[in-house]
Amino acid sequence: MSISEKIKANPFLKKIAHWMLIPSNDFKPRWWVRTFINPFKHKKGKGAMIRWRTRMDVFPFNHFELGAHSIIEDFSTINNGVGAVRIGERSIIGIGCTVIGPVEIGNQVMLAQNIVISGLNHGYESIELSPAEQKVITKKITIADEVWIGANCVITAGVTIGKHAVVGAGSVVTKDIPEYSVAVGNPARVVKKYNNLSKIWEKI
């Protein structure tokens, strides 16, 4: 059994390790983790940029990767605390976006402003506990290559958005969106699809 497995299996050791990585009553990694561990643990491709006013709640126990020539804009939050976050090449995470793993974003993806993409939910079933104290539930979100997501959208846990799909501004995506389609609304529904025979985008 490896050291990390022993720590995970022992509640006391796990609590100490958690405290060493994250201050009490906080959700950000400690300064020494951000400075001395994360740069060597996580991958950042050539020409990739993370603006200095971005909040990087990135921890060494889950994967984080930013592909070549991709950008994370100011006032965004990236969190891999409960699942890996992978962002492909030449993708843009717009101003004020929130990405909480587990999330995989492909190449040449455009996220506009103030989008929430969260693979995390809290349990609520027990009325004896606050939802904040209940079990965390995660379902991976997958966003394929060339997707464009408009401003102020919410992408919920477990959703897959197919290649070259477009999600209109203000939409709430609760179900999978197929490739080469346009979806809008709350909940989002497909209103257009690309017809490979006619070579045009057709309304549904």
C-alpha atoms as a PDB file:
ATOM      1  CA  MET A   1       0.000   0.000   0.000  1.00  0.00           C
ATOM      2  CA  SER A   2       1.400   3.407  -1.017  1.00  0.00           C
ATOM      3  CA  ILE A   3       1.711   6.361   1.386  1.00  0.00           C
ATOM      4  CA  SER A   4      -1.198   8.187  -0.271  1.00  0.00           C
ATOM      5  CA  GLU A   5      -3.403   5.071   0.023  1.00  0.00           C
ATOM      6  CA  LYS A   6      -2.504   4.718   3.713  1.00  0.00           C
ATOM      7  CA  ILE A   7      -3.413   8.360   4.334  1.00  0.00           C
ATOM      8  CA  LYS A   8      -6.750   8.009   2.512  1.00  0.00           C
ATOM      9  CA  ALA A   9      -7.574   4.843   4.474  1.00  0.00           C
ATOM     10  CA  ASN A  10      -6.868   6.422   7.873  1.00  0.00           C
ATOM     11  CA  PRO A  11      -9.359   9.193   8.900  1.00  0.00           C
ATOM     12  CA  PHE A  12      -6.896  10.759  11.374  1.00  0.00           C
ATOM     13  CA  LEU A  13      -4.014  10.927   8.881  1.00  0.00           C
ATOM     14  CA  LYS A  14      -6.405  12.145   6.191  1.00  0.00           C
ATOM     15  CA  LYS A  15      -7.555  14.995   8.460  1.00  0.00           C
ATOM     16  CA  ILE A  16      -3.946  16.039   9.170  1.00  0.00           C
ATOM     17  CA  ALA A  17      -2.997  15.902   5.482  1.00  0.00           C
ATOM     18  CA  HIS A  18      -6.066  17.969   4.595  1.00  0.00           C
ATOM     19  CA  TRP A  19      -5.144  20.597   7.197  1.00  0.00           C
ATOM     20  CA  MET A  20      -1.584  20.766   5.855  1.00  0.00           C
ATOM     21  CA  LEU A  21      -2.888  21.447   2.336  1.00  0.00           C
ATOM     22  CA  ILE A  22      -5.882  23.666   3.147  1.00  0.00           C
ATOM     23  CA  PRO A  23      -6.290  26.133   6.043  1.00  0.00           C
ATOM     24  CA  SER A  24      -9.165  25.494   8.453  1.00  0.00           C
ATOM     25  CA  ASN A  25     -12.456  27.034   7.339  1.00  0.00           C
ATOM     26  CA  ASP A  26     -11.057  27.745   3.872  1.00  0.00           C
ATOM     27  CA  PHE A  27     -11.202  26.215   0.418  1.00  0.00           C
ATOM     28  CA  LYS A  28      -7.975  27.529  -1.097  1.00  0.00           C
ATOM     29  CA  PRO A  29      -4.659  25.638  -1.066  1.00  0.00           C
ATOM     30  CA  ARG A  30      -1.987  26.992   1.242  1.00  0.00           C
ATOM     31  CA  TRP A  31       0.658  29.326  -0.152  1.00  0.00           C
ATOM     32  CA  TRP A  32       3.393  26.675  -0.034  1.00  0.00           C
ATOM     33  CA  VAL A  33       1.216  24.274  -2.030  1.00  0.00           C
ATOM     34  CA  ARG A  34       0.540  26.883  -4.735  1.00  0.00           C
ATOM     35  CA  THR A  35       4.196  27.934  -4.873  1.00  0.00           C
ATOM     36  CA  PHE A  36       6.256  24.766  -4.419  1.00  0.00           C
ATOM     37  CA  ILE A  37       4.044  21.813  -5.401  1.00  0.00           C
ATOM     38  CA  ASN A  38       1.473  22.788  -8.021  1.00  0.00           C
ATOM     39  CA  PRO A  39       3.931  24.151 -10.629  1.00  0.00           C
ATOM     40  CA  PHE A  40       5.702  20.764 -10.671  1.00  0.00           C
ATOM     41  CA  LYS A  41       2.611  18.581 -10.307  1.00  0.00           C
ATOM     42  CA  HIS A  42       0.295  20.092 -12.933  1.00  0.00           C
ATOM     43  CA  LYS A  43       0.733  20.609 -16.680  1.00  0.00           C
ATOM     44  CA  LYS A  44       0.663  23.963 -18.437  1.00  0.00           C
ATOM     45  CA  GLY A  45       1.263  23.892 -22.193  1.00  0.00           C
ATOM     46  CA  LYS A  46       3.426  26.181 -24.268  1.00  0.00           C
ATOM     47  CA  GLY A  47       1.979  29.680 -24.571  1.00  0.00           C
ATOM     48  CA  ALA A  48      -0.854  28.960 -22.102  1.00  0.00           C
ATOM     49  CA  MET A  49      -1.876  31.903 -19.904  1.00  0.00           C
ATOM     50  CA  ILE A  50      -3.556  32.187 -16.513  1.00  0.00           C
ATOM     51  CA  ARG A  51      -4.401  35.813 -15.737  1.00  0.00           C
ATOM     52  CA  TRP A  52      -3.103  36.931 -12.350  1.00  0.00           C
ATOM     53  CA  ARG A  53      -6.583  37.770 -10.980  1.00  0.00           C
ATOM     54  CA  THR A  54      -7.795  34.207 -11.538  1.00  0.00           C
ATOM     55  CA  ARG A  55      -8.543  32.155  -8.421  1.00  0.00           C
ATOM     56  CA  MET A  56      -6.750  28.820  -8.798  1.00  0.00           C
ATOM     57  CA  ASP A  57      -8.105  26.469  -6.136  1.00  0.00           C
ATOM     58  CA  VAL A  58      -5.921  23.695  -7.515  1.00  0.00           C
ATOM     59  CA  PHE A  59      -4.657  20.872  -5.305  1.00  0.00           C
ATOM     60  CA  PRO A  60      -1.936  18.269  -5.888  1.00  0.00           C
ATOM     61  CA  PHE A  61      -4.162  15.248  -5.157  1.00  0.00           C
ATOM     62  CA  ASN A  62      -6.237  15.708  -8.357  1.00  0.00           C
ATOM     63  CA  HIS A  63      -5.108  16.416 -11.900  1.00  0.00           C
ATOM     64  CA  PHE A  64      -5.069  19.862 -13.515  1.00  0.00           C
ATOM     65  CA  GLU A  65      -3.953  20.532 -17.068  1.00  0.00           C
ATOM     66  CA  LEU A  66      -4.081  23.602 -19.312  1.00  0.00           C
ATOM     67  CA  GLY A  67      -3.262  22.964 -22.961  1.00  0.00           C
ATOM     68  CA  ALA A  68      -0.960  24.948 -25.226  1.00  0.00           C
ATOM     69  CA  HIS A  69      -2.063  28.497 -26.115  1.00  0.00           C
ATOM     70  CA  SER A  70      -5.175  28.314 -23.931  1.00  0.00           C
ATOM     71  CA  ILE A  71      -6.221  31.229 -21.702  1.00  0.00           C
ATOM     72  CA  ILE A  72      -8.002  31.500 -18.368  1.00  0.00           C
ATOM     73  CA  GLU A  73      -9.242  35.063 -18.034  1.00  0.00           C
ATOM     74  CA  ASP A  74      -9.431  37.313 -14.940  1.00  0.00           C
ATOM     75  CA  PHE A  75     -11.906  36.711 -12.105  1.00  0.00           C
ATOM     76  CA  SER A  76     -12.411  33.062 -13.046  1.00  0.00           C
ATOM     77  CA  THR A  77     -12.215  30.210 -10.516  1.00  0.00           C
ATOM     78  CA  ILE A  78     -10.743  26.804 -11.279  1.00  0.00           C
ATOM     79  CA  ASN A  79     -11.237  24.079  -8.647  1.00  0.00           C
ATOM     80  CA  ASN A  80     -10.017  20.478  -8.853  1.00  0.00           C
ATOM     81  CA  GLY A  81     -10.703  19.681  -5.192  1.00  0.00           C
ATOM     82  CA  VAL A  82     -13.214  16.906  -5.934  1.00  0.00           C
ATOM     83  CA  GLY A  83     -12.209  15.975  -9.486  1.00  0.00           C
ATOM     84  CA  ALA A  84      -9.683  16.537 -12.241  1.00  0.00           C
ATOM     85  CA  VAL A  85      -9.880  19.583 -14.521  1.00  0.00           C
ATOM     86  CA  ARG A  86      -8.448  19.202 -18.024  1.00  0.00           C
ATOM     87  CA  ILE A  87      -8.545  22.034 -20.577  1.00  0.00           C
ATOM     88  CA  GLY A  88      -7.339  21.380 -24.110  1.00  0.00           C
ATOM     89  CA  GLU A  89      -5.335  23.482 -26.543  1.00  0.00           C
ATOM     90  CA  ARG A  90      -6.314  26.943 -27.859  1.00  0.00           C
ATOM     91  CA  SER A  91      -9.350  27.131 -25.590  1.00  0.00           C
ATOM     92  CA  ILE A  92     -10.531  30.215 -23.719  1.00  0.00           C
ATOM     93  CA  ILE A  93     -12.130  30.372 -20.295  1.00  0.00           C
ATOM     94  CA  GLY A  94     -13.828  33.769 -20.304  1.00  0.00           C
ATOM     95  CA  ILE A  95     -13.939  36.464 -17.625  1.00  0.00           C
ATOM     96  CA  GLY A  96     -15.637  35.401 -14.405  1.00  0.00           C
ATOM     97  CA  CYS A  97     -16.180  31.722 -15.230  1.00  0.00           C
ATOM     98  CA  THR A  98     -16.263  28.966 -12.607  1.00  0.00           C
ATOM     99  CA  VAL A  99     -15.012  25.464 -13.439  1.00  0.00           C
ATOM    100  CA  ILE A 100     -15.314  22.792 -10.724  1.00  0.00           C
ATOM    101  CA  GLY A 101     -14.140  19.266 -11.542  1.00  0.00           C
ATOM    102  CA  PRO A 102     -14.460  16.622 -12.639  1.00  0.00           C
ATOM    103  CA  VAL A 103     -14.475  18.466 -15.977  1.00  0.00           C
ATOM    104  CA  GLU A 104     -12.814  17.793 -19.326  1.00  0.00           C
ATOM    105  CA  ILE A 105     -12.792  20.612 -21.891  1.00  0.00           C
ATOM    106  CA  GLY A 106     -11.530  19.943 -25.412  1.00  0.00           C
ATOM    107  CA  ASN A 107      -9.530  21.950 -27.946  1.00  0.00           C
ATOM    108  CA  GLN A 108     -10.601  25.321 -29.381  1.00  0.00           C
ATOM    109  CA  VAL A 109     -13.481  25.657 -26.940  1.00  0.00           C
ATOM    110  CA  MET A 110     -14.858  29.150 -26.290  1.00  0.00           C
ATOM    111  CA  LEU A 111     -16.468  29.965 -22.953  1.00  0.00           C
ATOM    112  CA  ALA A 112     -17.912  33.479 -22.794  1.00  0.00           C
ATOM    113  CA  GLN A 113     -18.368  35.360 -19.488  1.00  0.00           C
ATOM    114  CA  ASN A 114     -19.765  34.245 -16.119  1.00  0.00           C
ATOM    115  CA  ILE A 115     -20.352  30.593 -16.989  1.00  0.00           C
ATOM    116  CA  VAL A 116     -20.642  27.954 -14.252  1.00  0.00           C
ATOM    117  CA  ILE A 117     -19.471  24.428 -15.083  1.00  0.00           C
ATOM    118  CA  SER A 118     -19.674  22.192 -12.028  1.00  0.00           C
ATOM    119  CA  GLY A 119     -19.298  18.433 -11.761  1.00  0.00           C
ATOM    120  CA  LEU A 120     -20.122  18.706  -8.045  1.00  0.00           C
ATOM    121  CA  ASN A 121     -23.370  18.330  -6.113  1.00  0.00           C
ATOM    122  CA  HIS A 122     -24.136  17.988  -2.407  1.00  0.00           C
ATOM    123  CA  GLY A 123     -26.506  15.434  -0.968  1.00  0.00           C
ATOM    124  CA  TYR A 124     -29.632  16.787   0.715  1.00  0.00           C
ATOM    125  CA  GLU A 125     -31.643  13.659   1.572  1.00  0.00           C
ATOM    126  CA  SER A 126     -30.959  13.641   5.337  1.00  0.00           C
ATOM    127  CA  ILE A 127     -32.994  16.284   7.153  1.00  0.00           C
ATOM    128  CA  GLU A 128     -30.745  15.860  10.194  1.00  0.00           C
ATOM    129  CA  LEU A 129     -27.812  17.526   8.416  1.00  0.00           C
ATOM    130  CA  SER A 130     -27.294  20.672   6.402  1.00  0.00           C
ATOM    131  CA  PRO A 131     -26.588  19.934   2.706  1.00  0.00           C
ATOM    132  CA  ALA A 132     -23.154  21.497   3.342  1.00  0.00           C
ATOM    133  CA  GLU A 133     -22.356  18.582   5.689  1.00  0.00           C
ATOM    134  CA  GLN A 134     -23.698  15.806   3.476  1.00  0.00           C
ATOM    135  CA  LYS A 135     -21.874  13.574   1.046  1.00  0.00           C
ATOM    136  CA  VAL A 136     -20.393  15.163  -2.065  1.00  0.00           C
ATOM    137  CA  ILE A 137     -21.607  13.646  -5.333  1.00  0.00           C
ATOM    138  CA  THR A 138     -19.579  14.083  -8.524  1.00  0.00           C
ATOM    139  CA  LYS A 139     -20.349  13.359 -12.172  1.00  0.00           C
ATOM    140  CA  LYS A 140     -17.883  14.236 -14.906  1.00  0.00           C
ATOM    141  CA  ILE A 141     -18.740  16.984 -17.397  1.00  0.00           C
ATOM    142  CA  THR A 142     -17.292  16.549 -20.892  1.00  0.00           C
ATOM    143  CA  ILE A 143     -17.145  19.420 -23.380  1.00  0.00           C
ATOM    144  CA  ALA A 144     -15.838  18.300 -26.778  1.00  0.00           C
ATOM    145  CA  ASP A 145     -13.700  20.231 -29.276  1.00  0.00           C
ATOM    146  CA  GLU A 146     -14.875  23.486 -30.896  1.00  0.00           C
ATOM    147  CA  VAL A 147     -17.815  24.066 -28.546  1.00  0.00           C
ATOM    148  CA  TRP A 148     -19.031  27.647 -28.018  1.00  0.00           C
ATOM    149  CA  ILE A 149     -20.915  28.432 -24.804  1.00  0.00           C
ATOM    150  CA  GLY A 150     -22.588  31.834 -24.444  1.00  0.00           C
ATOM    151  CA  ALA A 151     -22.469  34.137 -21.416  1.00  0.00           C
ATOM    152  CA  ASN A 152     -24.185  33.320 -18.116  1.00  0.00           C
ATOM    153  CA  CYS A 153     -24.787  29.623 -18.850  1.00  0.00           C
ATOM    154  CA  VAL A 154     -24.874  26.836 -16.261  1.00  0.00           C
ATOM    155  CA  ILE A 155     -23.609  23.351 -17.183  1.00  0.00           C
ATOM    156  CA  THR A 156     -24.713  20.764 -14.627  1.00  0.00           C
ATOM    157  CA  ALA A 157     -22.947  17.627 -13.413  1.00  0.00           C
ATOM    158  CA  GLY A 158     -22.766  14.626 -15.734  1.00  0.00           C
ATOM    159  CA  VAL A 159     -23.513  16.508 -18.964  1.00  0.00           C
ATOM    160  CA  THR A 160     -21.687  15.869 -22.258  1.00  0.00           C
ATOM    161  CA  ILE A 161     -21.652  18.543 -24.961  1.00  0.00           C
ATOM    162  CA  GLY A 162     -20.700  17.229 -28.398  1.00  0.00           C
ATOM    163  CA  LYS A 163     -18.223  18.601 -30.937  1.00  0.00           C
ATOM    164  CA  HIS A 164     -18.952  22.017 -32.513  1.00  0.00           C
ATOM    165  CA  ALA A 165     -22.144  22.461 -30.474  1.00  0.00           C
ATOM    166  CA  VAL A 166     -23.340  25.956 -29.542  1.00  0.00           C
ATOM    167  CA  VAL A 167     -25.108  26.782 -26.277  1.00  0.00           C
ATOM    168  CA  GLY A 168     -27.010  30.079 -26.284  1.00  0.00           C
ATOM    169  CA  ALA A 169     -26.448  32.729 -23.610  1.00  0.00           C
ATOM    170  CA  GLY A 170     -28.272  32.221 -20.332  1.00  0.00           C
ATOM    171  CA  SER A 171     -29.023  28.545 -20.916  1.00  0.00           C
ATOM    172  CA  VAL A 172     -29.077  25.869 -18.210  1.00  0.00           C
ATOM    173  CA  VAL A 173     -27.790  22.577 -19.592  1.00  0.00           C
ATOM    174  CA  THR A 174     -29.152  19.583 -17.682  1.00  0.00           C
ATOM    175  CA  LYS A 175     -28.951  16.935 -20.440  1.00  0.00           C
ATOM    176  CA  ASP A 176     -26.428  15.964 -23.118  1.00  0.00           C
ATOM    177  CA  ILE A 177     -26.179  18.186 -26.208  1.00  0.00           C
ATOM    178  CA  PRO A 178     -25.339  16.336 -29.457  1.00  0.00           C
ATOM    179  CA  GLU A 179     -22.523  17.401 -31.759  1.00  0.00           C
ATOM    180  CA  TYR A 180     -23.160  20.013 -34.475  1.00  0.00           C
ATOM    181  CA  SER A 181     -26.271  21.388 -32.805  1.00  0.00           C
ATOM    182  CA  VAL A 182     -27.521  24.618 -31.215  1.00  0.00           C
ATOM    183  CA  ALA A 183     -29.235  24.498 -27.810  1.00  0.00           C
ATOM    184  CA  VAL A 184     -30.951  27.307 -25.876  1.00  0.00           C
ATOM    185  CA  GLY A 185     -33.190  27.829 -22.868  1.00  0.00           C
ATOM    186  CA  ASN A 186     -33.797  26.671 -19.308  1.00  0.00           C
ATOM    187  CA  PRO A 187     -33.602  23.737 -19.432  1.00  0.00           C
ATOM    188  CA  ALA A 188     -31.633  23.871 -22.676  1.00  0.00           C
ATOM    189  CA  ARG A 189     -33.142  22.130 -25.696  1.00  0.00           C
ATOM    190  CA  VAL A 190     -31.807  21.640 -29.207  1.00  0.00           C
ATOM    191  CA  VAL A 191     -33.293  24.098 -31.729  1.00  0.00           C
ATOM    192  CA  LYS A 192     -30.939  23.554 -34.692  1.00  0.00           C
ATOM    193  CA  LYS A 193     -28.830  20.748 -36.131  1.00  0.00           C
ATOM    194  CA  TYR A 194     -26.350  20.652 -38.974  1.00  0.00           C
ATOM    195  CA  ASN A 195     -27.475  18.506 -41.892  1.00  0.00           C
ATOM    196  CA  ASN A 196     -24.482  16.778 -43.487  1.00  0.00           C
ATOM    197  CA  LEU A 197     -26.420  16.093 -46.701  1.00  0.00           C
ATOM    198  CA  SER A 198     -27.769  19.596 -47.330  1.00  0.00           C
ATOM    199  CA  LYS A 199     -24.762  21.301 -45.675  1.00  0.00           C
ATOM    200  CA  ILE A 200     -27.007  23.747 -43.802  1.00  0.00           C
ATOM    201  CA  TRP A 201     -28.101  24.336 -40.203  1.00  0.00           C
ATOM    202  CA  GLU A 202     -31.758  23.291 -39.943  1.00  0.00           C
ATOM    203  CA  LYS A 203     -34.330  24.320 -37.332  1.00  0.00           C
ATOM    204  CA  ILE A 204     -35.958  21.552 -35.367  1.00  0.00           C
END
